[in-house]
Protein backbone atom coordinates (compact mmCIF):
# COMPACT_ATOMS: atom_id res chain seq x y z
CA MET A 1 -0.31 -0.16 0.24
CA LYS A 2 1.24 3.71 -0.99
CA ALA A 3 1.39 6.40 1.69
CA TYR A 4 0.62 9.72 0.95
CA ARG A 5 1.91 12.71 2.23
CA VAL A 6 -1.22 15.91 3.32
CA LEU A 7 0.44 19.06 2.16
CA ALA A 8 -2.04 21.41 3.64
CA ALA A 9 -5.56 21.35 5.41
CA ILE A 10 -7.62 23.87 4.38
CA ALA A 11 -10.91 25.09 6.77
CA ILE A 12 -13.61 26.24 4.34
CA PHE A 13 -17.13 28.50 5.45
CA SER A 14 -20.27 28.04 3.79
CA GLY A 15 -22.44 30.92 2.65
CA ILE A 16 -22.63 33.33 0.03
CA ALA A 17 -22.10 37.47 -0.51
CA ILE A 18 -24.79 39.42 -0.60
CA THR A 19 -24.67 43.39 -0.25
CA GLY A 20 -28.05 45.96 0.00
CA GLY A 21 -30.43 46.91 2.88
CA CYS A 22 -29.72 48.69 5.95
CA LEU A 23 -28.99 46.91 9.76
CA PRO A 24 -28.61 49.75 12.06
CA SER A 25 -25.31 51.53 12.50
CA LYS A 26 -25.31 52.10 15.89
CA PRO A 27 -23.31 50.13 18.48
CA LEU A 28 -24.72 47.48 19.62
CA PRO A 29 -24.39 46.11 23.74
CA PRO A 30 -20.90 45.68 24.87
CA ARG A 31 -19.93 41.79 24.76
CA ASP A 32 -16.92 39.97 25.02
CA VAL A 33 -16.72 40.10 21.94
CA VAL A 34 -13.96 39.85 18.91
CA ASN A 35 -13.79 42.35 16.32
CA PHE A 36 -13.04 41.76 13.00
CA THR A 37 -13.57 44.09 9.51
CA GLU A 38 -11.47 42.12 7.07
CA MET A 39 -12.80 38.78 5.67
CA ASP A 40 -8.78 37.63 5.07
CA GLN A 41 -8.03 38.73 8.95
CA PHE A 42 -11.43 36.49 10.56
CA GLN A 43 -10.60 33.88 8.30
CA SER A 44 -7.11 33.30 10.05
CA ASP A 45 -8.35 33.92 13.24
CA LEU A 46 -10.77 30.95 12.63
CA ALA A 47 -7.74 29.25 11.24
CA GLU A 48 -6.13 29.89 14.37
CA ARG A 49 -8.73 28.51 16.87
CA VAL A 50 -9.50 25.53 15.56
CA SER A 51 -5.89 24.32 14.65
CA LYS A 52 -5.18 25.27 18.78
CA ASN A 53 -7.88 22.23 18.63
CA PHE A 54 -6.84 19.87 16.66
CA ASN A 55 -2.87 20.86 17.47
CA PRO A 56 -2.26 23.09 19.83
CA GLU A 57 1.51 22.54 19.43
CA LYS A 58 2.03 23.43 16.10
CA GLN A 59 1.02 26.49 13.79
CA PRO A 60 -1.60 26.51 12.00
CA ASP A 61 -1.10 24.70 8.71
CA PHE A 62 -4.54 25.43 7.08
CA LYS A 63 -6.68 28.20 6.56
CA VAL A 64 -10.33 29.14 6.95
CA ILE A 65 -12.71 30.40 3.73
CA VAL A 66 -16.01 30.97 3.20
CA THR A 67 -17.13 27.56 1.29
CA GLN A 68 -19.23 27.32 -1.39
CA ALA A 69 -20.59 23.72 -1.52
CA GLY A 70 -20.72 20.84 1.13
CA TYR A 71 -19.17 18.39 -0.60
CA PRO A 72 -19.03 14.69 0.71
CA ILE A 73 -16.33 13.56 3.02
CA GLY A 74 -13.53 12.66 0.54
CA THR A 75 -14.66 14.38 -2.23
CA VAL A 76 -11.07 14.93 -4.33
CA MET A 77 -10.49 18.21 -5.64
CA ARG A 78 -7.80 19.70 -8.33
CA ALA A 79 -5.59 21.12 -6.91
CA ASN A 80 -5.66 24.91 -6.04
CA SER A 81 -9.07 25.18 -6.85
CA THR A 82 -12.75 24.37 -5.36
CA ILE A 83 -13.47 22.31 -8.69
CA PRO A 84 -14.37 19.03 -7.64
CA ILE A 85 -12.69 15.85 -9.30
CA SER A 86 -14.56 12.86 -8.10
CA TYR A 87 -17.16 12.27 -4.78
CA THR A 88 -16.59 8.94 -4.12
CA ALA A 89 -13.07 7.59 -5.71
CA CYS A 90 -11.12 8.08 -2.23
CA GLN A 91 -13.92 8.35 -0.07
CA PRO A 92 -13.35 6.54 2.87
CA SER A 93 -15.53 3.16 4.12
CA SER A 94 -16.81 4.54 6.93
CA THR A 95 -18.21 7.81 7.92
CA PRO A 96 -15.93 10.05 10.57
CA PRO A 97 -17.94 9.89 13.94
CA VAL A 98 -18.96 13.32 15.42
CA VAL A 99 -17.68 14.82 18.58
CA GLY A 100 -18.12 17.95 20.41
CA ALA A 101 -15.45 20.15 20.39
CA GLY A 102 -16.61 22.18 23.34
CA ASN A 103 -16.60 26.32 23.00
CA LEU A 104 -14.53 26.53 20.37
CA PHE A 105 -15.06 29.87 18.71
CA PRO A 106 -15.77 32.99 20.38
CA THR A 107 -18.65 35.78 19.91
CA TYR A 108 -17.78 37.41 16.82
CA ARG A 109 -18.63 41.21 15.84
CA LEU A 110 -18.36 41.93 12.13
CA ALA A 111 -19.20 44.51 9.55
CA GLY A 112 -22.69 43.23 8.33
CA GLY A 113 -20.93 42.57 4.76
CA LEU A 114 -18.48 40.21 6.91
CA ALA A 115 -21.95 38.56 8.39
CA VAL A 116 -23.38 37.43 5.58
CA ASP A 117 -20.23 36.00 3.94
CA PHE A 118 -19.99 34.22 7.19
CA GLY A 119 -23.08 32.41 6.13
CA LEU A 120 -26.28 34.42 6.30
CA ASN A 121 -28.17 32.95 2.93
CA ASN A 122 -29.28 34.89 0.42
CA ASP A 123 -33.36 33.74 0.82
CA VAL A 124 -33.08 35.09 4.43
CA ILE A 125 -31.72 38.27 3.53
CA LYS A 126 -34.95 39.01 0.98
CA GLU A 127 -37.32 37.50 3.28
CA LEU A 128 -36.06 40.11 6.20
CA ALA A 129 -36.30 42.73 3.86
CA ASN A 130 -40.14 41.93 3.65
CA PHE A 131 -40.11 42.90 7.30
CA GLY A 132 -37.92 46.38 7.00
CA VAL A 133 -35.27 44.62 8.21
CA THR A 134 -31.90 44.91 5.61
CA VAL A 135 -28.52 44.41 5.66
CA LYS A 136 -25.47 46.53 4.20
CA ASP A 137 -21.92 46.16 4.67
CA THR A 138 -21.26 48.81 7.00
CA ASP A 139 -23.67 47.92 9.77
CA THR A 140 -22.46 45.42 12.60
CA VAL A 141 -23.81 41.93 13.24
CA LEU A 142 -22.41 40.13 16.77
CA VAL A 143 -22.49 36.20 15.61
CA GLU A 144 -22.37 33.72 18.14
CA VAL A 145 -21.05 29.93 17.21
CA LYS A 146 -23.02 26.96 19.88
CA ASN A 147 -22.78 23.57 19.98
CA SER A 148 -19.20 23.26 17.69
CA GLN A 149 -18.33 19.78 16.96
CA VAL A 150 -15.99 17.88 14.91
CA GLN A 151 -16.42 15.23 11.86
CA ILE A 152 -12.96 14.87 10.13
CA ALA A 153 -11.62 11.34 8.90
CA ALA A 154 -8.75 9.64 10.32
CA ASP A 155 -5.28 9.36 8.58
CA GLN A 156 -5.45 5.46 8.30
CA ASP A 157 -8.89 5.43 7.19
CA LEU A 158 -7.59 8.20 3.90
CA GLN A 159 -4.38 5.98 3.21
CA LYS A 160 -6.77 2.87 2.96
CA ALA A 161 -9.19 5.21 0.38
CA ALA A 162 -5.52 6.35 -1.25
CA ALA A 163 -5.18 3.10 -1.99
CA SER A 164 -7.79 2.15 -3.86
CA ALA A 165 -7.08 1.57 -7.54
CA ASP A 166 -10.05 4.24 -8.05
CA CYS A 167 -8.35 6.46 -6.42
CA GLN A 168 -4.88 5.96 -7.48
CA SER A 169 -5.89 6.28 -10.85
CA ILE A 170 -6.75 10.31 -9.80
CA LEU A 171 -3.69 10.73 -7.49
CA SER A 172 -1.46 9.34 -10.21
CA ARG A 173 -2.17 11.51 -12.75
CA GLN A 174 -2.40 15.45 -11.11
CA SER A 175 -1.82 16.90 -7.80
CA VAL A 176 -5.53 17.16 -5.89
CA TRP A 177 -6.89 18.27 -2.78
CA ILE A 178 -9.19 16.00 -0.18
CA VAL A 179 -12.09 17.16 1.42
CA ARG A 180 -11.10 15.35 5.17
CA GLY A 181 -13.92 16.67 7.24
CA TYR A 182 -15.76 19.10 8.56
CA ILE A 183 -16.56 21.71 12.01
CA LEU A 184 -20.15 21.76 12.69
CA GLY A 185 -22.22 24.43 14.70
CA GLN A 186 -25.43 26.36 15.32
CA ARG A 187 -24.22 30.32 14.50
CA ASN A 188 -26.69 32.76 15.65
CA PHE A 189 -26.58 36.40 13.82
CA SER A 190 -27.92 39.16 15.88
CA ALA A 191 -28.33 42.75 15.45
CA LYS A 192 -30.43 45.75 16.55
CA ASN A 193 -33.77 46.02 14.52
CA GLU A 194 -34.33 49.86 13.94
CA THR A 195 -36.59 50.27 10.94
CA SER A 196 -38.16 52.73 9.22
CA ARG A 197 -41.51 51.08 10.38
CA ASP A 198 -42.66 49.15 13.17
CA VAL A 199 -42.13 45.47 12.57
CA HIS A 200 -44.93 43.12 14.36
CA GLY A 201 -44.70 39.26 15.23
CA ASN A 202 -42.10 37.09 14.46
CA VAL A 203 -41.15 34.93 11.58
CA THR A 204 -40.60 31.53 12.52
CA LYS A 205 -38.50 29.81 9.90
CA ILE A 206 -36.71 30.98 6.78
CA GLY A 207 -34.45 27.98 5.06
CA THR A 208 -32.61 26.26 7.56
CA PHE A 209 -32.75 29.39 10.16
CA ASP A 210 -34.86 30.04 12.85
CA VAL A 211 -35.20 33.63 12.93
CA ASN A 212 -36.94 35.91 15.48
CA ILE A 213 -37.82 39.68 14.12
CA GLY A 214 -38.70 41.84 17.03
CA SER A 215 -40.87 45.21 17.00
CA GLY A 216 -39.47 48.64 17.40
CA ASN A 217 -35.55 48.74 18.77
CA ALA A 218 -35.76 45.07 19.71
CA GLU A 219 -32.88 42.30 18.68
CA VAL A 220 -33.12 40.89 15.21
CA SER A 221 -32.12 36.94 15.71
CA ILE A 222 -30.91 34.62 13.12
CA ALA A 223 -29.82 31.23 14.26
CA ASP A 224 -29.10 27.49 12.28
CA ASP A 225 -32.39 25.25 13.03
CA LYS A 226 -29.66 22.37 13.71
CA PRO A 227 -25.64 22.53 14.13
CA ASN A 228 -24.43 22.66 10.37
CA GLY A 229 -21.19 21.63 9.08
CA PHE A 230 -20.10 25.53 8.09
CA LEU A 231 -15.82 24.66 8.08
CA GLN A 232 -14.92 22.09 5.51
CA VAL A 233 -11.37 20.76 6.42
CA ILE A 234 -9.62 20.26 2.70
CA SER A 235 -6.08 18.28 2.55
CA ALA A 236 -3.98 18.82 -0.47
CA VAL A 237 -2.35 15.04 -0.94
CA ASP A 238 1.23 13.85 -2.90
CA ASP A 239 1.39 10.65 -3.76
CA ARG A 240 5.30 11.20 -3.67
CA GLN A 241 6.08 10.59 -0.66
CA THR A 242 5.63 7.42 2.02
CA SER A 243 4.31 9.45 4.86
CA ILE A 244 1.94 11.54 6.31
CA SER A 245 2.68 15.22 6.98
CA PHE A 246 1.12 18.81 7.13
CA THR A 247 2.47 22.12 5.72
CA GLY A 248 0.87 25.27 4.48
CA PRO A 249 -0.70 25.73 1.23
CA SER A 250 1.42 26.82 -1.64
CA ALA A 251 -0.12 28.09 -5.55
CA GLY A 252 0.93 25.95 -8.26
CA PRO A 253 3.23 27.02 -10.91
CA GLY A 254 2.35 28.99 -13.96
CA ALA A 255 -0.41 31.57 -14.88
CA GLY A 256 -3.98 30.96 -13.95
CA LYS A 257 -6.92 30.77 -15.87
CA ILE A 258 -10.79 31.31 -15.91
CA TYR A 259 -12.42 27.98 -15.28
CA VAL A 260 -16.05 27.82 -16.17
CA GLN A 261 -18.85 25.67 -14.26
CA ARG A 262 -22.59 25.57 -15.51
CA ASP A 263 -25.59 23.83 -13.74
CA ARG A 264 -26.29 20.89 -15.64
CA LEU A 265 -29.79 21.99 -16.02
CA ASP A 266 -28.99 25.44 -17.25
CA ASP A 267 -29.35 25.98 -20.57
CA PRO A 268 -25.57 25.11 -21.88
CA ALA A 269 -25.45 27.58 -24.78
CA ASN A 270 -25.39 30.19 -21.25
CA ALA A 271 -22.00 28.78 -20.78
CA THR A 272 -20.62 28.64 -24.61
CA LEU A 273 -21.63 32.66 -25.09
CA LEU A 274 -20.15 33.55 -21.84
CA VAL A 275 -16.63 31.46 -22.86
CA GLY A 276 -16.78 32.79 -26.64
CA SER A 277 -17.11 36.24 -25.24
CA LEU A 278 -14.49 35.89 -22.51
CA ALA A 279 -12.36 34.98 -25.53
CA GLN A 280 -12.84 37.88 -27.53
CA GLN A 281 -11.71 40.09 -24.69
CA GLY A 282 -8.50 38.52 -24.46
CA PHE A 283 -9.18 36.52 -21.03
CA SER A 284 -7.17 33.38 -20.83
CA VAL A 285 -10.04 30.52 -20.37
CA ALA A 286 -9.65 26.96 -19.89
CA LYS A 287 -10.62 24.29 -22.28
CA GLY A 288 -13.90 22.83 -21.47
CA ILE A 289 -17.31 23.83 -19.79
CA GLU A 290 -17.62 21.50 -16.79
CA ALA A 291 -21.35 20.91 -15.69
CA PHE A 292 -22.69 19.74 -12.55
CA ASP A 293 -25.69 18.88 -10.19
CA THR A 294 -28.12 21.87 -8.85
CA ALA A 295 -27.47 19.98 -5.05
CA LYS A 296 -23.42 20.81 -5.69
CA MET A 297 -23.58 24.12 -7.41
CA PRO A 298 -24.19 27.33 -5.24
CA LYS A 299 -27.94 29.09 -5.36
CA VAL A 300 -26.89 32.22 -7.75
CA THR A 301 -23.97 32.35 -10.00
CA GLN A 302 -20.48 33.58 -8.89
CA VAL A 303 -17.20 35.00 -9.59
CA ARG A 304 -14.37 33.08 -7.78
CA TYR A 305 -11.03 34.91 -7.38
CA PHE A 306 -8.19 33.90 -5.18
CA ASN A 307 -5.62 36.76 -5.16
CA ASP A 308 -6.63 40.72 -4.27
CA SER A 309 -4.52 41.40 -7.66
CA ASP A 310 -7.17 39.71 -10.02
CA LYS A 311 -10.14 41.66 -8.39
CA SER A 312 -10.52 43.65 -10.96
CA GLU A 313 -11.32 41.53 -13.50
CA ALA A 314 -13.13 39.47 -11.79
CA GLU A 315 -15.28 42.41 -11.30
CA HIS A 316 -15.12 43.10 -15.22
CA ILE A 317 -16.67 39.02 -15.62
CA LEU A 318 -19.35 39.73 -12.99
CA ALA A 319 -20.39 43.32 -14.82
CA LEU A 320 -20.61 40.53 -17.77
CA LEU A 321 -23.26 38.14 -15.81
CA ARG A 322 -25.08 40.46 -14.56
CA GLN A 323 -26.94 40.98 -17.56
CA LYS A 324 -28.02 37.28 -17.27
CA TYR A 325 -27.74 36.55 -14.28
CA PRO A 326 -28.61 39.74 -12.16
CA SER A 327 -28.41 38.52 -8.75
CA ALA A 328 -24.63 36.49 -9.29
CA THR A 329 -21.96 38.03 -6.69
CA LEU A 330 -18.39 38.06 -6.51
CA VAL A 331 -16.43 35.67 -3.77
CA ARG A 332 -13.12 36.00 -2.25
CA ILE A 333 -11.42 32.33 -2.27
CA GLY A 334 -8.79 32.66 0.76
CA LEU A 335 -7.17 29.19 -1.38
CA PRO A 336 -3.82 29.03 -2.53
CA ALA A 337 -3.98 29.80 -7.07
CA PRO A 338 -1.76 31.28 -9.27
CA THR A 339 -2.06 34.63 -10.43
CA GLY A 340 -4.91 35.14 -13.34
CA GLN A 341 -6.99 32.06 -11.96
CA LEU A 342 -10.83 32.45 -11.76
CA GLU A 343 -13.60 30.43 -11.36
CA VAL A 344 -17.32 31.13 -12.93
CA TRP A 345 -20.26 29.09 -11.52
CA LEU A 346 -23.22 29.75 -13.37
CA SER A 347 -26.28 28.59 -11.42
CA ARG A 348 -29.76 27.37 -13.50
CA SER A 349 -31.29 30.58 -15.19
CA ARG A 350 -34.54 31.43 -14.20
């Protein structure tokens, strides 16, 4: 049996970036909280706290970023990307147990834009707007995570999975990352409800969230209805080594390209026209358009970028997409990737 060296572990959050509206900008009541206004700093804090829980003697060997899909444990992804190769080829034979992790995270005070990146659902935001409660980047939101749990595949389970013929056929051809497990918990978002009109009554359920909207200046509370796998732990695998170890991730060599993925149920012509338009404008677009099931796609079309230097190009592509997909959004992915690499995820057009 070959053993495989695990090069990196990266934790990824689940959420979709949304802007607009107006939760209040007045300070919330003082609590024992940690403040963040930048996503990279917030993710670094999350990574450090998770790392100390796993191995307090070492520096963090993974990053925490917003995840875009709840892939099964054992899913193999192309290195330096969020694009899956196989959901089952390297899947462990048994499901890892879920273990309580205690109070893994403190209370966070986040700018509204960070709070929605942290997992506030687009459907929730729209429903809150119907009650006069909306969210914008400059608002202040308190976030707590309760009932933290860990579900991580053991090294030996990954080794056994990597020894299978199906998994080895993938590992022998290219560098890959594998979904190793999840951090679970119940997020609770709260903010002052200072609307321009009086709100009467409560909204008890929106999607997978329990929502409580108080009238007047009461607090708005939005909470997961059960523990949710909002952190995804990913390891990079290298089949050239004979032992397992962890290290920080690094970007692959060469210049990046633009990769286009579409919902399998979306009209393929939409992706084809986009690729043609990008190529005509001089963008380096990867060959082939990959199609995925709706369950593995984001709910809204996304342009994902990995490096700050690529943000302006990502915004240009976003403007093109919004002609066909008005709700399309920009997502910063904190994974290492070559400069110039972008991913376009086309949800099903309505």
